[in-house]
């Protein structure tokens, strides 16, 4: 699972989770019955969910998992189920679009990307090539308006740096910004030429070199575009989940406020 994912993420206040149909039917323990859910009306077997849960229980982090039968254990099952459902949905979408995901190995998202996608979509993206292929297809046309990019660059621009002087003193050579030096010494060095030695009060220094800062290039808008693409994918995924997936009671989204294991903890 992706680092930082919270299978027991808490929602509440009666607001439904976007992209997920509300829970219906009597609550049951996750894993009752042979199905994971239905995709486009077609039943999905739960064998892959059982395999992954078994691998987690037999893996090196098994001691960190919640005790079987607890509310947190049921939330873990729901979380893994949603990852599998997301992968199944994207596999079907990739086939419908004629995409060839290939056998690309898993990838790792940075923390910002994982947070913006949400833990379930991020885990599916990291581990499944079909999810990544659909992401690329769905977000290929996303663009950032020039005015938005300009505002982003302005808000992230750094103030221009000042000059740096290379100085030699009886204690050795070092780099210093003029503002970090005693005012009298900085004033004397300001009019000095390289290799000139100046004395100001108790300070003596030789100006070895003066380096003017290179102007900072405009801030890249790549981060803004990446964020816009992730938002577009999440919106597409939410819509596809709501219209194409039907969940087995007990395997609803872990953050669905209607399922009994989702409650606030303070």
Protein backbone atom coordinates (compact mmCIF):
# COMPACT_ATOMS: atom_id res chain seq x y z
CA UNK A 1 0.00 0.00 0.00
CA UNK A 2 1.13 3.52 -0.65
CA UNK A 3 2.95 5.17 2.19
CA UNK A 4 0.73 7.45 4.19
CA UNK A 5 -2.51 5.85 3.05
CA UNK A 6 -5.22 5.72 5.66
CA UNK A 7 -7.61 2.88 5.07
CA UNK A 8 -9.66 4.09 8.01
CA UNK A 9 -9.93 7.70 6.89
CA UNK A 10 -12.80 9.28 8.73
CA UNK A 11 -15.54 11.24 7.10
CA UNK A 12 -18.82 12.10 8.62
CA UNK A 13 -21.51 14.63 9.21
CA UNK A 14 -23.77 12.68 6.86
CA UNK A 15 -22.07 13.79 3.64
CA UNK A 16 -21.73 11.07 1.01
CA UNK A 17 -18.33 10.27 -0.44
CA UNK A 18 -18.12 11.70 -3.99
CA UNK A 19 -18.19 9.07 -6.69
CA UNK A 20 -19.71 6.32 -4.59
CA UNK A 21 -23.31 5.19 -4.49
CA UNK A 22 -24.75 5.28 -0.97
CA UNK A 23 -24.79 2.10 1.05
CA UNK A 24 -27.98 0.12 0.82
CA UNK A 25 -29.09 -3.06 2.54
CA UNK A 26 -28.24 -4.45 5.92
CA UNK A 27 -24.67 -4.07 7.11
CA UNK A 28 -22.66 -7.27 6.94
CA UNK A 29 -19.08 -8.14 7.68
CA UNK A 30 -16.85 -7.52 4.65
CA UNK A 31 -16.24 -10.64 2.68
CA UNK A 32 -19.61 -12.33 2.85
CA UNK A 33 -20.37 -13.95 -0.49
CA UNK A 34 -18.29 -14.62 -3.60
CA UNK A 35 -18.55 -11.19 -5.22
CA UNK A 36 -16.64 -7.95 -4.90
CA UNK A 37 -19.29 -6.00 -6.74
CA UNK A 38 -20.57 -5.35 -10.25
CA UNK A 39 -18.84 -3.36 -13.00
CA UNK A 40 -21.07 -2.26 -15.87
CA UNK A 41 -23.53 -4.88 -14.64
CA UNK A 42 -20.98 -7.70 -14.77
CA UNK A 43 -20.13 -9.52 -11.53
CA UNK A 44 -16.60 -9.21 -10.19
CA UNK A 45 -15.30 -12.16 -8.14
CA UNK A 46 -13.65 -11.32 -4.85
CA UNK A 47 -10.75 -13.74 -5.29
CA UNK A 48 -8.25 -10.92 -5.85
CA UNK A 49 -9.38 -9.17 -2.68
CA UNK A 50 -8.89 -12.38 -0.69
CA UNK A 51 -5.45 -12.85 -2.25
CA UNK A 52 -4.29 -9.39 -1.32
CA UNK A 53 -5.63 -9.57 2.20
CA UNK A 54 -3.90 -12.92 2.64
CA UNK A 55 -0.64 -11.46 1.33
CA UNK A 56 -0.89 -8.59 3.80
CA UNK A 57 -1.52 -10.97 6.68
CA UNK A 58 1.48 -13.08 5.65
CA UNK A 59 3.72 -10.11 4.88
CA UNK A 60 6.44 -8.37 6.87
CA UNK A 61 4.05 -5.72 8.20
CA UNK A 62 1.44 -8.15 9.42
CA UNK A 63 2.03 -7.19 13.06
CA UNK A 64 1.02 -3.60 12.27
CA UNK A 65 -2.36 -4.64 10.84
CA UNK A 66 -5.52 -4.42 12.91
CA UNK A 67 -6.75 -7.52 14.71
CA UNK A 68 -9.13 -9.65 12.63
CA UNK A 69 -12.78 -8.99 13.28
CA UNK A 70 -12.32 -5.45 14.56
CA UNK A 71 -13.79 -2.32 13.03
CA UNK A 72 -10.34 -1.28 11.80
CA UNK A 73 -9.91 -4.69 10.17
CA UNK A 74 -13.19 -4.25 8.33
CA UNK A 75 -12.05 -0.78 7.24
CA UNK A 76 -8.81 -2.29 5.91
CA UNK A 77 -10.85 -4.81 3.92
CA UNK A 78 -12.99 -2.02 2.49
CA UNK A 79 -9.90 0.00 1.59
CA UNK A 80 -8.25 -2.90 -0.25
CA UNK A 81 -11.55 -3.70 -1.95
CA UNK A 82 -11.78 -0.14 -3.28
CA UNK A 83 -8.25 -0.35 -4.65
CA UNK A 84 -9.12 -3.57 -6.49
CA UNK A 85 -12.37 -2.06 -7.80
CA UNK A 86 -10.50 0.99 -9.07
CA UNK A 87 -8.05 -1.24 -10.90
CA UNK A 88 -10.87 -3.31 -12.42
CA UNK A 89 -12.66 -0.16 -13.55
CA UNK A 90 -9.52 1.22 -15.20
CA UNK A 91 -8.71 -2.13 -16.83
CA UNK A 92 -12.17 -2.09 -18.44
CA UNK A 93 -11.73 1.54 -19.48
CA UNK A 94 -8.30 0.84 -20.97
CA UNK A 95 -9.75 -2.03 -23.00
CA UNK A 96 -12.64 0.15 -24.20
CA UNK A 97 -10.20 2.86 -25.30
CA UNK A 98 -7.85 0.39 -26.98
CA UNK A 99 -5.00 1.24 -24.64
CA UNK A 100 -2.12 -1.16 -24.12
CA UNK A 101 -0.90 -0.73 -20.52
CA UNK A 102 1.85 -3.31 -20.97
CA UNK A 103 3.62 -4.78 -17.99
CA UNK A 104 5.20 -1.67 -16.53
CA UNK A 105 6.52 -2.15 -12.99
CA UNK A 106 5.01 -0.30 -10.02
CA UNK A 107 5.87 3.36 -9.55
CA UNK A 108 6.10 5.62 -6.51
CA UNK A 109 4.22 8.89 -6.21
CA UNK A 110 5.53 11.76 -4.18
CA UNK A 111 3.59 12.76 -1.10
CA UNK A 112 1.80 15.68 -2.71
CA UNK A 113 0.59 13.58 -5.64
CA UNK A 114 -0.59 10.81 -3.33
CA UNK A 115 -2.55 13.27 -1.19
CA UNK A 116 -4.15 14.96 -4.21
CA UNK A 117 -5.22 11.64 -5.72
CA UNK A 118 -6.42 10.21 -2.42
CA UNK A 119 -5.07 7.06 -0.85
CA UNK A 120 -7.19 4.58 -2.83
CA UNK A 121 -6.56 6.07 -6.27
CA UNK A 122 -2.90 6.61 -5.43
CA UNK A 123 -2.41 2.97 -4.43
CA UNK A 124 -4.14 1.81 -7.62
CA UNK A 125 -2.05 4.21 -9.72
CA UNK A 126 1.21 3.06 -8.17
CA UNK A 127 0.58 -0.63 -8.56
CA UNK A 128 -1.42 -0.97 -11.76
CA UNK A 129 -0.31 -0.09 -15.28
CA UNK A 130 -3.90 0.10 -16.58
CA UNK A 131 -4.71 2.82 -14.04
CA UNK A 132 -1.69 4.82 -15.20
CA UNK A 133 -2.64 4.35 -18.85
CA UNK A 134 -6.17 5.58 -18.23
CA UNK A 135 -4.79 8.50 -16.21
CA UNK A 136 -2.67 9.56 -19.19
CA UNK A 137 -5.60 9.23 -21.59
CA UNK A 138 -8.13 10.99 -19.40
CA UNK A 139 -5.85 13.90 -18.57
CA UNK A 140 -4.09 14.31 -21.94
CA UNK A 141 -6.11 17.39 -22.83
CA UNK A 142 -5.80 19.16 -19.49
CA UNK A 143 -4.17 22.57 -19.78
CA UNK A 144 -3.43 25.49 -17.51
CA UNK A 145 -4.67 28.92 -18.58
CA UNK A 146 -1.84 31.43 -19.17
CA UNK A 147 -3.28 33.82 -16.60
CA UNK A 148 -3.40 31.05 -14.02
CA UNK A 149 0.18 30.03 -14.78
CA UNK A 150 1.34 33.65 -14.50
CA UNK A 151 -0.39 34.06 -11.15
CA UNK A 152 1.19 30.82 -9.95
CA UNK A 153 4.67 31.95 -10.98
CA UNK A 154 4.19 35.30 -9.28
CA UNK A 155 3.02 33.69 -6.05
CA UNK A 156 5.95 31.27 -5.98
CA UNK A 157 8.65 33.69 -7.15
CA UNK A 158 11.61 34.18 -4.84
CA UNK A 159 13.03 37.65 -4.18
CA UNK A 160 16.17 38.33 -6.18
CA UNK A 161 19.38 37.32 -4.44
CA UNK A 162 22.16 39.80 -3.80
CA UNK A 163 25.83 39.60 -4.81
CA UNK A 164 28.24 37.27 -3.07
CA UNK A 165 31.83 38.25 -2.30
CA UNK A 166 34.71 35.85 -1.99
CA UNK A 167 36.94 37.24 0.78
CA UNK A 168 40.32 36.37 2.23
CA UNK A 169 41.13 37.25 5.84
CA UNK A 170 43.82 36.11 8.28
CA UNK A 171 41.35 33.35 9.25
CA UNK A 172 41.00 32.00 5.70
CA UNK A 173 38.74 32.40 2.65
CA UNK A 174 34.97 32.40 2.70
CA UNK A 175 31.92 33.60 0.79
CA UNK A 176 29.79 36.36 2.26
CA UNK A 177 26.84 38.48 1.27
CA UNK A 178 27.50 42.19 1.79
CA UNK A 179 24.66 42.52 4.25
CA UNK A 180 26.24 39.92 6.54
CA UNK A 181 29.43 41.98 6.99
CA UNK A 182 30.10 44.92 9.31
CA UNK A 183 28.79 48.03 7.60
CA UNK A 184 32.19 49.82 7.46
CA UNK A 185 33.92 46.77 5.94
CA UNK A 186 31.10 46.22 3.44
CA UNK A 187 31.31 49.87 2.41
CA UNK A 188 35.09 49.64 1.81
CA UNK A 189 34.78 46.39 -0.15
CA UNK A 190 31.95 47.82 -2.23
CA UNK A 191 34.36 50.02 -4.17
CA UNK A 192 37.28 47.57 -4.18
CA UNK A 193 38.49 45.62 -7.20
CA UNK A 194 39.43 41.92 -7.09
CA UNK A 195 42.72 41.26 -5.25
CA UNK A 196 42.48 44.61 -3.41
CA UNK A 197 42.91 44.57 0.37
CA UNK A 198 40.92 47.03 2.45
CA UNK A 199 40.89 47.89 6.14
CA UNK A 200 37.93 49.30 7.98
CA UNK A 201 38.35 49.77 11.71
CA UNK A 202 39.55 46.47 13.18
CA UNK A 203 38.70 44.49 10.03
CA UNK A 204 41.03 43.74 7.12
CA UNK A 205 39.95 41.68 4.10
CA UNK A 206 40.99 41.05 0.53
CA UNK A 207 38.33 40.92 -2.15
CA UNK A 208 39.13 37.76 -4.09
CA UNK A 209 36.14 37.84 -6.41
CA UNK A 210 32.70 39.35 -6.74
CA UNK A 211 29.93 37.10 -8.02
CA UNK A 212 26.69 38.62 -9.20
CA UNK A 213 23.63 36.38 -8.87
CA UNK A 214 22.15 34.83 -11.95
CA UNK A 215 18.55 35.89 -12.43
CA UNK A 216 16.11 33.22 -11.37
CA UNK A 217 14.29 31.71 -14.33
CA UNK A 218 10.51 32.00 -14.30
CA UNK A 219 9.00 29.50 -11.91
CA UNK A 220 7.88 26.36 -13.72
CA UNK A 221 4.18 25.73 -14.00
CA UNK A 222 4.72 21.98 -14.25
CA UNK A 223 3.50 21.50 -10.71
CA UNK A 224 0.34 23.42 -11.51
CA UNK A 225 -0.34 21.28 -14.57
CA UNK A 226 0.32 18.08 -12.66
CA UNK A 227 -2.13 19.14 -9.96
CA UNK A 228 -4.76 20.02 -12.57
CA UNK A 229 -4.31 16.61 -14.21
CA UNK A 230 -4.71 14.82 -10.91
CA UNK A 231 -7.88 16.79 -10.15
CA UNK A 232 -9.29 15.92 -13.58
CA UNK A 233 -8.54 12.23 -13.07
CA UNK A 234 -10.13 12.16 -9.62
CA UNK A 235 -13.27 13.79 -11.03
CA UNK A 236 -13.40 11.30 -13.89
CA UNK A 237 -12.86 8.41 -11.50
CA UNK A 238 -15.57 9.60 -9.11
CA UNK A 239 -18.05 9.88 -11.97
CA UNK A 240 -17.14 6.46 -13.37
CA UNK A 241 -17.40 4.81 -9.96
CA UNK A 242 -20.82 6.33 -9.33
CA UNK A 243 -22.23 5.25 -12.67
CA UNK A 244 -20.47 1.97 -13.38
CA UNK A 245 -19.82 0.26 -10.05
CA UNK A 246 -22.26 -1.32 -7.65
CA UNK A 247 -20.83 -2.43 -4.33
CA UNK A 248 -21.52 -5.45 -2.19
CA UNK A 249 -22.87 -4.38 1.23
CA UNK A 250 -19.95 -4.51 3.63
CA UNK A 251 -17.42 -3.53 0.96
CA UNK A 252 -18.47 0.08 0.56
CA UNK A 253 -15.95 2.92 0.68
CA UNK A 254 -14.29 3.10 4.12
CA UNK A 255 -15.18 6.78 4.37
CA UNK A 256 -18.87 6.32 3.53
CA UNK A 257 -20.70 7.85 6.52
CA UNK A 258 -23.55 5.35 6.13
CA UNK A 259 -21.46 2.29 6.87
CA UNK A 260 -21.26 1.40 10.58
CA UNK A 261 -17.48 1.37 10.98
CA UNK A 262 -17.04 4.97 9.84
CA UNK A 263 -17.13 7.18 12.88
CA UNK A 264 -15.16 10.11 14.26
CA UNK A 265 -12.32 9.53 16.63
CA UNK A 266 -11.03 12.39 18.74
